[in-house]
C-alpha atoms as a PDB file:
ATOM      1  CA  MET A   1      20.903 176.162-201.194  1.00  0.00           C
ATOM      2  CA  GLY A   2      17.426 177.279-202.144  1.00  0.00           C
ATOM      3  CA  GLY A   3      17.957 177.574-205.886  1.00  0.00           C
ATOM      4  CA  GLU A   4      15.381 176.085-208.239  1.00  0.00           C
ATOM      5  CA  LEU A   5      16.448 173.023-210.222  1.00  0.00           C
ATOM      6  CA  TYR A   6      15.005 171.402-213.354  1.00  0.00           C
ATOM      7  CA  GLU A   7      14.189 167.702-213.377  1.00  0.00           C
ATOM      8  CA  GLU A   8      12.448 165.515-215.934  1.00  0.00           C
ATOM      9  CA  MET A   9      11.539 161.956-214.953  1.00  0.00           C
ATOM     10  CA  GLY A  10       9.774 159.353-217.012  1.00  0.00           C
ATOM     11  CA  LEU A  11       9.082 155.795-218.043  1.00  0.00           C
ATOM     12  CA  TRP A  12       9.254 154.324-221.522  1.00  0.00           C
ATOM     13  CA  SER A  13       6.153 152.527-222.742  1.00  0.00           C
ATOM     14  CA  PRO A  14       6.377 150.540-225.997  1.00  0.00           C
ATOM     15  CA  LYS A  15       2.779 151.570-226.729  1.00  0.00           C
ATOM     16  CA  GLU A  16       2.820 155.228-225.647  1.00  0.00           C
ATOM     17  CA  GLY A  17       6.512 156.175-225.822  1.00  0.00           C
ATOM     18  CA  TRP A  18       7.940 158.365-223.063  1.00  0.00           C
ATOM     19  CA  GLU A  19       5.595 159.387-220.269  1.00  0.00           C
ATOM     20  CA  THR A  20       7.396 162.141-218.395  1.00  0.00           C
ATOM     21  CA  SER A  21       6.803 164.713-215.723  1.00  0.00           C
ATOM     22  CA  VAL A  22       8.761 167.922-215.230  1.00  0.00           C
ATOM     23  CA  ASN A  23       9.571 169.005-211.696  1.00  0.00           C
ATOM     24  CA  HIS A  24      11.326 171.999-210.204  1.00  0.00           C
ATOM     25  CA  PRO A  25      12.766 170.827-206.878  1.00  0.00           C
ATOM     26  CA  THR A  26      14.541 173.250-204.581  1.00  0.00           C
ATOM     27  CA  ALA A  27      18.215 172.645-203.865  1.00  0.00           C
ATOM     28  CA  GLY A  28      18.416 171.366-200.301  1.00  0.00           C
ATOM     29  CA  SER A  29      15.129 169.471-200.265  1.00  0.00           C
ATOM     30  CA  TYR A  30      15.227 165.767-199.425  1.00  0.00           C
ATOM     31  CA  ARG A  31      13.551 163.421-201.909  1.00  0.00           C
ATOM     32  CA  ALA A  32      12.527 159.770-201.973  1.00  0.00           C
ATOM     33  CA  ILE A  33      11.894 158.390-205.463  1.00  0.00           C
ATOM     34  CA  GLY A  34       9.590 155.391-205.698  1.00  0.00           C
ATOM     35  CA  LEU A  35       9.315 153.008-208.637  1.00  0.00           C
ATOM     36  CA  ASP A  36       6.325 150.666-208.722  1.00  0.00           C
ATOM     37  CA  LEU A  37       7.287 148.350-211.561  1.00  0.00           C
ATOM     38  CA  GLN A  38       5.904 145.005-210.395  1.00  0.00           C
ATOM     39  CA  GLY A  39       4.285 145.744-207.051  1.00  0.00           C
ATOM     40  CA  ALA A  40       5.675 145.756-203.531  1.00  0.00           C
ATOM     41  CA  SER A  41       7.461 142.628-202.372  1.00  0.00           C
ATOM     42  CA  PRO A  42       7.128 141.306-198.812  1.00  0.00           C
ATOM     43  CA  GLU A  43      10.936 141.317-198.528  1.00  0.00           C
ATOM     44  CA  GLN A  44      11.044 145.003-199.409  1.00  0.00           C
ATOM     45  CA  ALA A  45       8.356 145.789-196.810  1.00  0.00           C
ATOM     46  CA  ALA A  46      10.201 143.753-194.158  1.00  0.00           C
ATOM     47  CA  ARG A  47      13.484 145.556-194.923  1.00  0.00           C
ATOM     48  CA  LEU A  48      11.793 148.965-194.623  1.00  0.00           C
ATOM     49  CA  LYS A  49      10.138 147.951-191.349  1.00  0.00           C
ATOM     50  CA  GLN A  50      13.502 146.798-189.996  1.00  0.00           C
ATOM     51  CA  GLN A  51      15.143 150.118-190.919  1.00  0.00           C
ATOM     52  CA  LEU A  52      12.350 152.147-189.300  1.00  0.00           C
ATOM     53  CA  GLU A  53      12.460 150.025-186.124  1.00  0.00           C
ATOM     54  CA  ALA A  54      16.254 150.475-185.890  1.00  0.00           C
ATOM     55  CA  THR A  55      15.865 154.255-186.178  1.00  0.00           C
ATOM     56  CA  LYS A  56      13.085 154.242-183.570  1.00  0.00           C
ATOM     57  CA  ALA A  57      15.247 152.206-181.182  1.00  0.00           C
ATOM     58  CA  LYS A  58      18.118 154.695-181.538  1.00  0.00           C
ATOM     59  CA  LEU A  59      15.776 157.633-180.864  1.00  0.00           C
ATOM     60  CA  GLU A  60      14.233 155.995-177.801  1.00  0.00           C
ATOM     61  CA  SER A  61      17.570 154.834-176.349  1.00  0.00           C
ATOM     62  CA  ASN A  62      18.479 158.317-175.034  1.00  0.00           C
ATOM     63  CA  SER A  63      22.110 157.297-175.539  1.00  0.00           C
ATOM     64  CA  GLU A  64      24.297 160.080-176.898  1.00  0.00           C
ATOM     65  CA  VAL A  65      26.403 157.509-178.735  1.00  0.00           C
ATOM     66  CA  GLN A  66      23.321 156.034-180.463  1.00  0.00           C
ATOM     67  CA  LEU A  67      21.884 159.471-181.278  1.00  0.00           C
ATOM     68  CA  ALA A  68      25.227 160.552-182.769  1.00  0.00           C
ATOM     69  CA  THR A  69      25.050 157.662-185.267  1.00  0.00           C
ATOM     70  CA  LEU A  70      21.763 158.914-186.748  1.00  0.00           C
ATOM     71  CA  ILE A  71      22.071 160.619-190.105  1.00  0.00           C
ATOM     72  CA  LYS A  72      19.589 162.558-192.226  1.00  0.00           C
ATOM     73  CA  HIS A  73      18.864 159.423-194.260  1.00  0.00           C
ATOM     74  CA  ASN A  74      17.734 157.586-191.103  1.00  0.00           C
ATOM     75  CA  LEU A  75      15.479 160.376-189.906  1.00  0.00           C
ATOM     76  CA  VAL A  76      14.028 161.868-193.071  1.00  0.00           C
ATOM     77  CA  GLY A  77      14.876 159.455-195.870  1.00  0.00           C
ATOM     78  CA  ASP A  78      13.292 156.364-194.342  1.00  0.00           C
ATOM     79  CA  LEU A  79      10.112 158.264-193.470  1.00  0.00           C
ATOM     80  CA  LEU A  80       9.762 159.699-196.977  1.00  0.00           C
ATOM     81  CA  TYR A  81      10.583 156.358-198.599  1.00  0.00           C
ATOM     82  CA  GLY A  82       8.085 154.644-196.294  1.00  0.00           C
ATOM     83  CA  THR A  83       5.422 157.125-197.383  1.00  0.00           C
ATOM     84  CA  VAL A  84       5.924 156.578-201.126  1.00  0.00           C
ATOM     85  CA  PHE A  85       6.253 152.790-200.622  1.00  0.00           C
ATOM     86  CA  ASN A  86       2.983 152.686-198.648  1.00  0.00           C
ATOM     87  CA  TYR A  87       1.251 154.858-201.261  1.00  0.00           C
ATOM     88  CA  PHE A  88       1.960 152.344-204.004  1.00  0.00           C
ATOM     89  CA  ALA A  89       1.281 149.297-201.798  1.00  0.00           C
ATOM     90  CA  LEU A  90      -2.105 150.653-200.640  1.00  0.00           C
ATOM     91  CA  ASN A  91      -3.101 151.639-204.185  1.00  0.00           C
ATOM     92  CA  ASP A  92      -2.297 148.109-205.380  1.00  0.00           C
ATOM     93  CA  LEU A  93      -4.310 146.574-202.534  1.00  0.00           C
ATOM     94  CA  GLN A  94      -7.317 148.848-203.115  1.00  0.00           C
ATOM     95  CA  ASP A  95      -7.253 148.085-206.851  1.00  0.00           C
ATOM     96  CA  GLN A  96      -7.161 144.333-206.190  1.00  0.00           C
ATOM     97  CA  ILE A  97     -10.141 144.557-203.819  1.00  0.00           C
ATOM     98  CA  ALA A  98     -12.125 146.760-206.211  1.00  0.00           C
ATOM     99  CA  ALA A  99     -11.319 144.506-209.177  1.00  0.00           C
ATOM    100  CA  GLN A 100     -12.443 141.358-207.353  1.00  0.00           C
ATOM    101  CA  SER A 101     -15.692 142.886-206.191  1.00  0.00           C
ATOM    102  CA  SER A 102     -16.523 144.305-209.648  1.00  0.00           C
ATOM    103  CA  ASP A 103     -15.428 141.416-211.897  1.00  0.00           C
ATOM    104  CA  ILE A 104     -12.738 143.589-213.440  1.00  0.00           C
ATOM    105  CA  ILE A 105      -9.191 142.601-214.296  1.00  0.00           C
ATOM    106  CA  SER A 106      -6.769 145.229-213.027  1.00  0.00           C
ATOM    107  CA  TYR A 107      -3.312 145.415-214.583  1.00  0.00           C
ATOM    108  CA  ARG A 108      -1.012 147.839-212.867  1.00  0.00           C
ATOM    109  CA  LEU A 109       1.257 149.624-215.309  1.00  0.00           C
ATOM    110  CA  PRO A 110       4.736 150.725-214.214  1.00  0.00           C
ATOM    111  CA  SER A 111       4.531 153.911-212.167  1.00  0.00           C
ATOM    112  CA  TYR A 112       6.873 156.290-210.414  1.00  0.00           C
ATOM    113  CA  GLY A 113       6.729 159.199-208.053  1.00  0.00           C
ATOM    114  CA  THR A 114       8.523 161.212-205.430  1.00  0.00           C
ATOM    115  CA  PHE A 115       7.713 162.222-201.926  1.00  0.00           C
ATOM    116  CA  SER A 116       9.877 165.014-200.616  1.00  0.00           C
ATOM    117  CA  THR A 117      10.321 167.827-198.213  1.00  0.00           C
ATOM    118  CA  ASN A 118       9.250 171.036-199.861  1.00  0.00           C
ATOM    119  CA  LEU A 119      11.318 174.168-199.406  1.00  0.00           C
ATOM    120  CA  HIS A 120       9.997 177.587-200.397  1.00  0.00           C
ATOM    121  CA  THR A 121      12.631 180.115-201.382  1.00  0.00           C
ATOM    122  CA  GLN A 122      12.200 183.840-200.832  1.00  0.00           C
ATOM    123  CA  TYR A 123      14.372 186.008-203.051  1.00  0.00           C
ATOM    124  CA  CYS A 124      15.945 189.394-202.442  1.00  0.00           C
ATOM    125  CA  ASN A 125      17.485 191.135-205.466  1.00  0.00           C
ATOM    126  CA  PHE A 126      17.222 187.886-207.455  1.00  0.00           C
ATOM    127  CA  HIS A 127      19.249 185.911-204.887  1.00  0.00           C
ATOM    128  CA  PRO A 128      17.905 183.249-202.520  1.00  0.00           C
ATOM    129  CA  TRP A 129      17.412 184.989-199.190  1.00  0.00           C
ATOM    130  CA  ARG A 130      15.320 182.812-196.886  1.00  0.00           C
ATOM    131  CA  LEU A 131      14.077 179.217-196.908  1.00  0.00           C
ATOM    132  CA  SER A 132      10.880 177.985-195.294  1.00  0.00           C
ATOM    133  CA  SER A 133       9.386 174.505-195.323  1.00  0.00           C
ATOM    134  CA  GLY A 134       5.977 173.528-196.595  1.00  0.00           C
ATOM    135  CA  PRO A 135       3.906 170.419-197.212  1.00  0.00           C
ATOM    136  CA  ALA A 136       5.522 167.483-198.962  1.00  0.00           C
ATOM    137  CA  LYS A 137       4.914 166.683-202.611  1.00  0.00           C
ATOM    138  CA  ALA A 138       3.375 163.372-203.615  1.00  0.00           C
ATOM    139  CA  VAL A 139       3.327 160.859-206.452  1.00  0.00           C
ATOM    140  CA  GLN A 140       3.303 162.201-210.022  1.00  0.00           C
ATOM    141  CA  ASN A 141       2.597 159.236-212.292  1.00  0.00           C
ATOM    142  CA  CYS A 142       0.562 156.218-211.252  1.00  0.00           C
ATOM    143  CA  SER A 143      -1.022 154.210-214.092  1.00  0.00           C
ATOM    144  CA  ARG A 144      -3.351 151.235-214.261  1.00  0.00           C
ATOM    145  CA  GLN A 145      -5.279 149.490-216.973  1.00  0.00           C
ATOM    146  CA  PHE A 146      -8.651 147.880-216.298  1.00  0.00           C
ATOM    147  CA  CYS A 147     -10.615 145.388-218.378  1.00  0.00           C
ATOM    148  CA  GLY A 148     -14.240 144.552-217.693  1.00  0.00           C
ATOM    149  CA  LEU A 149     -15.445 141.065-218.545  1.00  0.00           C
ATOM    150  CA  ALA A 150     -18.845 139.962-219.793  1.00  0.00           C
ATOM    151  CA  TYR A 151     -19.468 136.266-219.261  1.00  0.00           C
ATOM    152  CA  HIS A 152     -20.992 134.363-222.177  1.00  0.00           C
ATOM    153  CA  ALA A 153     -21.992 130.710-222.251  1.00  0.00           C
ATOM    154  CA  MET A 154     -18.825 129.609-224.049  1.00  0.00           C
ATOM    155  CA  SER A 155     -16.120 131.910-222.665  1.00  0.00           C
ATOM    156  CA  PRO A 156     -15.581 135.335-221.151  1.00  0.00           C
ATOM    157  CA  SER A 157     -14.801 138.147-223.537  1.00  0.00           C
ATOM    158  CA  VAL A 158     -13.438 141.643-222.986  1.00  0.00           C
ATOM    159  CA  VAL A 159     -16.115 144.259-223.600  1.00  0.00           C
ATOM    160  CA  TYR A 160     -14.477 147.450-222.407  1.00  0.00           C
ATOM    161  CA  ARG A 161     -11.033 148.715-221.461  1.00  0.00           C
ATOM    162  CA  TRP A 162      -9.742 151.938-219.955  1.00  0.00           C
ATOM    163  CA  THR A 163      -6.517 153.303-218.525  1.00  0.00           C
ATOM    164  CA  SER A 164      -6.300 155.421-215.404  1.00  0.00           C
ATOM    165  CA  THR A 165      -3.379 157.748-214.719  1.00  0.00           C
ATOM    166  CA  THR A 166      -3.045 159.804-211.555  1.00  0.00           C
END
């Protein structure tokens, strides 16, 4: 526990090839990995809401039997997954609103990211000695492509295009 790991995550793009990010998570940290391939579905949001409400009900029940059934995934995993899910859902919503108000076509490219607990390891004689927690890490790769339209008498035509990656 506390050792540094090596992780490389990425998506394949036929146009760009591999788009990867290198991470160094700490052994023992809890991670939620989010993939935003085609946007958030209402069914997925409803399922997440149901899971969070079930966990909340168990916490508020004050029943030892109910509390004993809670696992780390219920307490930490659902909260981290909810955070990364909401990040992508809110970004999609904000892009749709901005695109409509600016006469821009927004095409969300596949994106991924993690949201995790962040453990800091202190070493003594090159061995992990003490762990402390810090702020959580956020999304690493979020891409969108935008096209602005200029309206002519006969038909609209694309006049500029740009890609945004966060």
